[in-house]
Protein backbone atom coordinates (compact mmCIF):
# COMPACT_ATOMS: atom_id res chain seq x y z
CA UNK A 1 0.00 0.00 0.00
CA UNK A 2 1.97 2.92 -1.26
CA UNK A 3 -0.86 5.38 -0.84
CA UNK A 4 -1.84 6.74 2.55
CA UNK A 5 -5.50 6.70 1.53
CA UNK A 6 -5.39 2.91 1.14
CA UNK A 7 -3.95 2.52 4.64
CA UNK A 8 -6.70 4.73 6.03
CA UNK A 9 -9.37 2.81 4.11
CA UNK A 10 -8.05 -0.51 5.42
CA UNK A 11 -8.00 0.57 9.07
CA UNK A 12 -11.43 2.21 8.81
CA UNK A 13 -12.77 -1.00 7.25
CA UNK A 14 -11.32 -2.94 10.21
CA UNK A 15 -13.06 -0.53 12.59
CA UNK A 16 -16.38 -0.98 10.82
CA UNK A 17 -15.93 -4.76 10.98
CA UNK A 18 -15.33 -4.34 14.73
CA UNK A 19 -18.77 -2.68 15.01
CA UNK A 20 -17.43 0.84 15.59
CA UNK A 21 -20.06 3.57 15.56
CA UNK A 22 -17.51 6.38 15.83
CA UNK A 23 -14.28 6.54 13.82
CA UNK A 24 -11.96 9.52 14.02
CA UNK A 25 -9.20 10.10 11.47
CA UNK A 26 -6.59 12.75 12.24
CA UNK A 27 -3.69 13.59 9.94
CA UNK A 28 -1.08 16.03 11.19
CA UNK A 29 1.87 17.46 9.33
CA UNK A 30 4.80 18.95 11.24
CA UNK A 31 7.77 20.15 9.26
CA UNK A 32 9.39 21.21 12.55
CA UNK A 33 9.32 17.62 13.86
CA UNK A 34 9.78 16.20 10.33
CA UNK A 35 6.70 14.03 10.82
CA UNK A 36 3.47 13.17 9.13
CA UNK A 37 1.26 11.60 11.81
CA UNK A 38 -1.85 9.54 11.17
CA UNK A 39 -4.14 8.70 14.10
CA UNK A 40 -7.24 6.56 13.65
CA UNK A 41 -9.39 5.99 16.73
CA UNK A 42 -12.57 3.94 16.96
CA UNK A 43 -15.05 2.76 19.55
CA UNK A 44 -15.29 -0.78 18.19
CA UNK A 45 -14.99 -3.97 20.18
CA UNK A 46 -11.23 -3.59 20.62
CA UNK A 47 -8.39 -6.08 20.26
CA UNK A 48 -7.68 -8.77 22.84
CA UNK A 49 -4.28 -8.38 24.56
CA UNK A 50 -2.94 -11.65 23.09
CA UNK A 51 -3.78 -10.42 19.56
CA UNK A 52 -2.52 -6.88 20.15
CA UNK A 53 1.01 -8.18 20.75
CA UNK A 54 1.18 -9.75 17.29
CA UNK A 55 -1.31 -7.77 15.20
CA UNK A 56 1.42 -6.19 13.05
CA UNK A 57 2.64 -9.65 12.01
CA UNK A 58 1.38 -10.62 8.55
CA UNK A 59 0.33 -14.06 9.79
CA UNK A 60 -1.91 -12.70 12.53
CA UNK A 61 -5.53 -12.19 11.58
CA UNK A 62 -8.93 -12.65 13.14
CA UNK A 63 -10.45 -13.56 9.78
CA UNK A 64 -11.47 -17.13 9.16
CA UNK A 65 -11.49 -16.81 5.36
CA UNK A 66 -7.70 -16.46 5.04
CA UNK A 67 -4.61 -16.89 7.16
CA UNK A 68 -2.89 -13.56 6.50
CA UNK A 69 -3.68 -9.96 7.31
CA UNK A 70 -1.54 -7.43 5.48
CA UNK A 71 -3.03 -4.04 6.41
CA UNK A 72 -1.23 -3.25 9.66
CA UNK A 73 2.02 -5.03 8.68
CA UNK A 74 2.24 -2.93 5.49
CA UNK A 75 1.43 0.25 7.40
CA UNK A 76 4.20 -0.60 9.89
CA UNK A 77 6.66 -1.36 7.07
CA UNK A 78 5.94 1.90 5.23
CA UNK A 79 6.18 3.94 8.42
CA UNK A 80 9.47 2.30 9.45
CA UNK A 81 10.97 2.72 5.97
CA UNK A 82 10.40 6.45 6.30
CA UNK A 83 12.08 6.60 9.71
CA UNK A 84 8.83 6.44 11.68
CA UNK A 85 6.78 3.66 13.21
CA UNK A 86 3.36 2.67 14.49
CA UNK A 87 1.77 2.12 17.86
CA UNK A 88 -1.53 0.55 18.81
CA UNK A 89 -3.63 0.97 21.92
CA UNK A 90 -6.72 -1.09 22.43
CA UNK A 91 -9.10 -2.15 25.14
CA UNK A 92 -11.70 -4.83 24.65
CA UNK A 93 -15.17 -3.29 24.67
CA UNK A 94 -13.78 0.26 24.41
CA UNK A 95 -11.99 0.59 21.06
CA UNK A 96 -8.67 0.92 19.32
CA UNK A 97 -6.26 3.72 18.41
CA UNK A 98 -3.70 3.26 15.65
CA UNK A 99 -0.97 5.88 15.41
CA UNK A 100 1.46 5.88 12.48
CA UNK A 101 4.34 8.33 12.15
CA UNK A 102 6.17 8.89 8.90
CA UNK A 103 9.41 10.76 8.42
CA UNK A 104 8.15 13.76 6.46
CA UNK A 105 11.36 14.50 4.60
CA UNK A 106 11.24 11.15 2.84
CA UNK A 107 9.90 11.34 -0.66
CA UNK A 108 7.10 8.86 0.14
CA UNK A 109 5.67 10.83 3.06
CA UNK A 110 5.99 14.11 1.19
CA UNK A 111 4.11 12.59 -1.76
CA UNK A 112 1.32 11.42 0.57
CA UNK A 113 0.98 14.88 2.10
CA UNK A 114 0.12 16.43 -1.26
C-alpha atoms as a PDB file:
ATOM      1  CA  UNK A   1       0.000   0.000   0.000  1.00  0.00           C
ATOM      2  CA  UNK A   2       1.966   2.923  -1.262  1.00  0.00           C
ATOM      3  CA  UNK A   3      -0.859   5.376  -0.844  1.00  0.00           C
ATOM      4  CA  UNK A   4      -1.839   6.741   2.550  1.00  0.00           C
ATOM      5  CA  UNK A   5      -5.500   6.704   1.533  1.00  0.00           C
ATOM      6  CA  UNK A   6      -5.387   2.914   1.136  1.00  0.00           C
ATOM      7  CA  UNK A   7      -3.946   2.517   4.639  1.00  0.00           C
ATOM      8  CA  UNK A   8      -6.702   4.732   6.026  1.00  0.00           C
ATOM      9  CA  UNK A   9      -9.371   2.814   4.114  1.00  0.00           C
ATOM     10  CA  UNK A  10      -8.051  -0.514   5.418  1.00  0.00           C
ATOM     11  CA  UNK A  11      -7.995   0.574   9.068  1.00  0.00           C
ATOM     12  CA  UNK A  12     -11.427   2.205   8.815  1.00  0.00           C
ATOM     13  CA  UNK A  13     -12.767  -0.998   7.253  1.00  0.00           C
ATOM     14  CA  UNK A  14     -11.320  -2.939  10.205  1.00  0.00           C
ATOM     15  CA  UNK A  15     -13.061  -0.526  12.590  1.00  0.00           C
ATOM     16  CA  UNK A  16     -16.380  -0.979  10.816  1.00  0.00           C
ATOM     17  CA  UNK A  17     -15.933  -4.760  10.982  1.00  0.00           C
ATOM     18  CA  UNK A  18     -15.328  -4.336  14.728  1.00  0.00           C
ATOM     19  CA  UNK A  19     -18.769  -2.680  15.008  1.00  0.00           C
ATOM     20  CA  UNK A  20     -17.427   0.843  15.594  1.00  0.00           C
ATOM     21  CA  UNK A  21     -20.062   3.570  15.559  1.00  0.00           C
ATOM     22  CA  UNK A  22     -17.507   6.379  15.826  1.00  0.00           C
ATOM     23  CA  UNK A  23     -14.283   6.539  13.818  1.00  0.00           C
ATOM     24  CA  UNK A  24     -11.956   9.525  14.021  1.00  0.00           C
ATOM     25  CA  UNK A  25      -9.198  10.104  11.469  1.00  0.00           C
ATOM     26  CA  UNK A  26      -6.588  12.752  12.239  1.00  0.00           C
ATOM     27  CA  UNK A  27      -3.688  13.587   9.935  1.00  0.00           C
ATOM     28  CA  UNK A  28      -1.075  16.033  11.193  1.00  0.00           C
ATOM     29  CA  UNK A  29       1.873  17.455   9.330  1.00  0.00           C
ATOM     30  CA  UNK A  30       4.796  18.945  11.237  1.00  0.00           C
ATOM     31  CA  UNK A  31       7.768  20.151   9.258  1.00  0.00           C
ATOM     32  CA  UNK A  32       9.394  21.212  12.548  1.00  0.00           C
ATOM     33  CA  UNK A  33       9.316  17.621  13.863  1.00  0.00           C
ATOM     34  CA  UNK A  34       9.780  16.202  10.334  1.00  0.00           C
ATOM     35  CA  UNK A  35       6.698  14.028  10.823  1.00  0.00           C
ATOM     36  CA  UNK A  36       3.473  13.173   9.129  1.00  0.00           C
ATOM     37  CA  UNK A  37       1.261  11.601  11.815  1.00  0.00           C
ATOM     38  CA  UNK A  38      -1.850   9.545  11.174  1.00  0.00           C
ATOM     39  CA  UNK A  39      -4.137   8.704  14.102  1.00  0.00           C
ATOM     40  CA  UNK A  40      -7.243   6.565  13.647  1.00  0.00           C
ATOM     41  CA  UNK A  41      -9.388   5.988  16.728  1.00  0.00           C
ATOM     42  CA  UNK A  42     -12.571   3.938  16.963  1.00  0.00           C
ATOM     43  CA  UNK A  43     -15.053   2.758  19.555  1.00  0.00           C
ATOM     44  CA  UNK A  44     -15.292  -0.779  18.194  1.00  0.00           C
ATOM     45  CA  UNK A  45     -14.995  -3.970  20.175  1.00  0.00           C
ATOM     46  CA  UNK A  46     -11.227  -3.595  20.624  1.00  0.00           C
ATOM     47  CA  UNK A  47      -8.390  -6.082  20.258  1.00  0.00           C
ATOM     48  CA  UNK A  48      -7.682  -8.768  22.837  1.00  0.00           C
ATOM     49  CA  UNK A  49      -4.282  -8.385  24.555  1.00  0.00           C
ATOM     50  CA  UNK A  50      -2.936 -11.649  23.093  1.00  0.00           C
ATOM     51  CA  UNK A  51      -3.777 -10.420  19.563  1.00  0.00           C
ATOM     52  CA  UNK A  52      -2.518  -6.881  20.148  1.00  0.00           C
ATOM     53  CA  UNK A  53       1.008  -8.176  20.752  1.00  0.00           C
ATOM     54  CA  UNK A  54       1.180  -9.755  17.285  1.00  0.00           C
ATOM     55  CA  UNK A  55      -1.314  -7.769  15.198  1.00  0.00           C
ATOM     56  CA  UNK A  56       1.417  -6.190  13.045  1.00  0.00           C
ATOM     57  CA  UNK A  57       2.642  -9.651  12.013  1.00  0.00           C
ATOM     58  CA  UNK A  58       1.381 -10.618   8.547  1.00  0.00           C
ATOM     59  CA  UNK A  59       0.334 -14.056   9.786  1.00  0.00           C
ATOM     60  CA  UNK A  60      -1.908 -12.704  12.529  1.00  0.00           C
ATOM     61  CA  UNK A  61      -5.528 -12.195  11.578  1.00  0.00           C
ATOM     62  CA  UNK A  62      -8.934 -12.646  13.137  1.00  0.00           C
ATOM     63  CA  UNK A  63     -10.448 -13.562   9.776  1.00  0.00           C
ATOM     64  CA  UNK A  64     -11.469 -17.129   9.160  1.00  0.00           C
ATOM     65  CA  UNK A  65     -11.495 -16.807   5.361  1.00  0.00           C
ATOM     66  CA  UNK A  66      -7.702 -16.458   5.043  1.00  0.00           C
ATOM     67  CA  UNK A  67      -4.606 -16.887   7.165  1.00  0.00           C
ATOM     68  CA  UNK A  68      -2.887 -13.563   6.503  1.00  0.00           C
ATOM     69  CA  UNK A  69      -3.683  -9.964   7.315  1.00  0.00           C
ATOM     70  CA  UNK A  70      -1.544  -7.434   5.482  1.00  0.00           C
ATOM     71  CA  UNK A  71      -3.032  -4.042   6.408  1.00  0.00           C
ATOM     72  CA  UNK A  72      -1.226  -3.249   9.655  1.00  0.00           C
ATOM     73  CA  UNK A  73       2.018  -5.026   8.676  1.00  0.00           C
ATOM     74  CA  UNK A  74       2.236  -2.934   5.487  1.00  0.00           C
ATOM     75  CA  UNK A  75       1.432   0.248   7.405  1.00  0.00           C
ATOM     76  CA  UNK A  76       4.200  -0.602   9.885  1.00  0.00           C
ATOM     77  CA  UNK A  77       6.655  -1.361   7.070  1.00  0.00           C
ATOM     78  CA  UNK A  78       5.945   1.896   5.232  1.00  0.00           C
ATOM     79  CA  UNK A  79       6.183   3.943   8.424  1.00  0.00           C
ATOM     80  CA  UNK A  80       9.469   2.299   9.449  1.00  0.00           C
ATOM     81  CA  UNK A  81      10.966   2.721   5.968  1.00  0.00           C
ATOM     82  CA  UNK A  82      10.401   6.453   6.297  1.00  0.00           C
ATOM     83  CA  UNK A  83      12.078   6.601   9.712  1.00  0.00           C
ATOM     84  CA  UNK A  84       8.832   6.441  11.676  1.00  0.00           C
ATOM     85  CA  UNK A  85       6.782   3.663  13.212  1.00  0.00           C
ATOM     86  CA  UNK A  86       3.362   2.666  14.492  1.00  0.00           C
ATOM     87  CA  UNK A  87       1.769   2.116  17.862  1.00  0.00           C
ATOM     88  CA  UNK A  88      -1.531   0.553  18.811  1.00  0.00           C
ATOM     89  CA  UNK A  89      -3.626   0.973  21.920  1.00  0.00           C
ATOM     90  CA  UNK A  90      -6.724  -1.094  22.434  1.00  0.00           C
ATOM     91  CA  UNK A  91      -9.099  -2.145  25.139  1.00  0.00           C
ATOM     92  CA  UNK A  92     -11.698  -4.833  24.649  1.00  0.00           C
ATOM     93  CA  UNK A  93     -15.166  -3.294  24.675  1.00  0.00           C
ATOM     94  CA  UNK A  94     -13.776   0.256  24.407  1.00  0.00           C
ATOM     95  CA  UNK A  95     -11.990   0.587  21.064  1.00  0.00           C
ATOM     96  CA  UNK A  96      -8.670   0.919  19.315  1.00  0.00           C
ATOM     97  CA  UNK A  97      -6.261   3.716  18.411  1.00  0.00           C
ATOM     98  CA  UNK A  98      -3.704   3.257  15.651  1.00  0.00           C
ATOM     99  CA  UNK A  99      -0.966   5.880  15.411  1.00  0.00           C
ATOM    100  CA  UNK A 100       1.459   5.877  12.483  1.00  0.00           C
ATOM    101  CA  UNK A 101       4.335   8.334  12.149  1.00  0.00           C
ATOM    102  CA  UNK A 102       6.165   8.892   8.901  1.00  0.00           C
ATOM    103  CA  UNK A 103       9.410  10.764   8.417  1.00  0.00           C
ATOM    104  CA  UNK A 104       8.151  13.755   6.462  1.00  0.00           C
ATOM    105  CA  UNK A 105      11.365  14.504   4.599  1.00  0.00           C
ATOM    106  CA  UNK A 106      11.243  11.146   2.838  1.00  0.00           C
ATOM    107  CA  UNK A 107       9.897  11.343  -0.662  1.00  0.00           C
ATOM    108  CA  UNK A 108       7.100   8.861   0.140  1.00  0.00           C
ATOM    109  CA  UNK A 109       5.674  10.829   3.065  1.00  0.00           C
ATOM    110  CA  UNK A 110       5.993  14.114   1.186  1.00  0.00           C
ATOM    111  CA  UNK A 111       4.113  12.592  -1.756  1.00  0.00           C
ATOM    112  CA  UNK A 112       1.320  11.416   0.572  1.00  0.00           C
ATOM    113  CA  UNK A 113       0.984  14.877   2.097  1.00  0.00           C
ATOM    114  CA  UNK A 114       0.118  16.434  -1.262  1.00  0.00           C
END
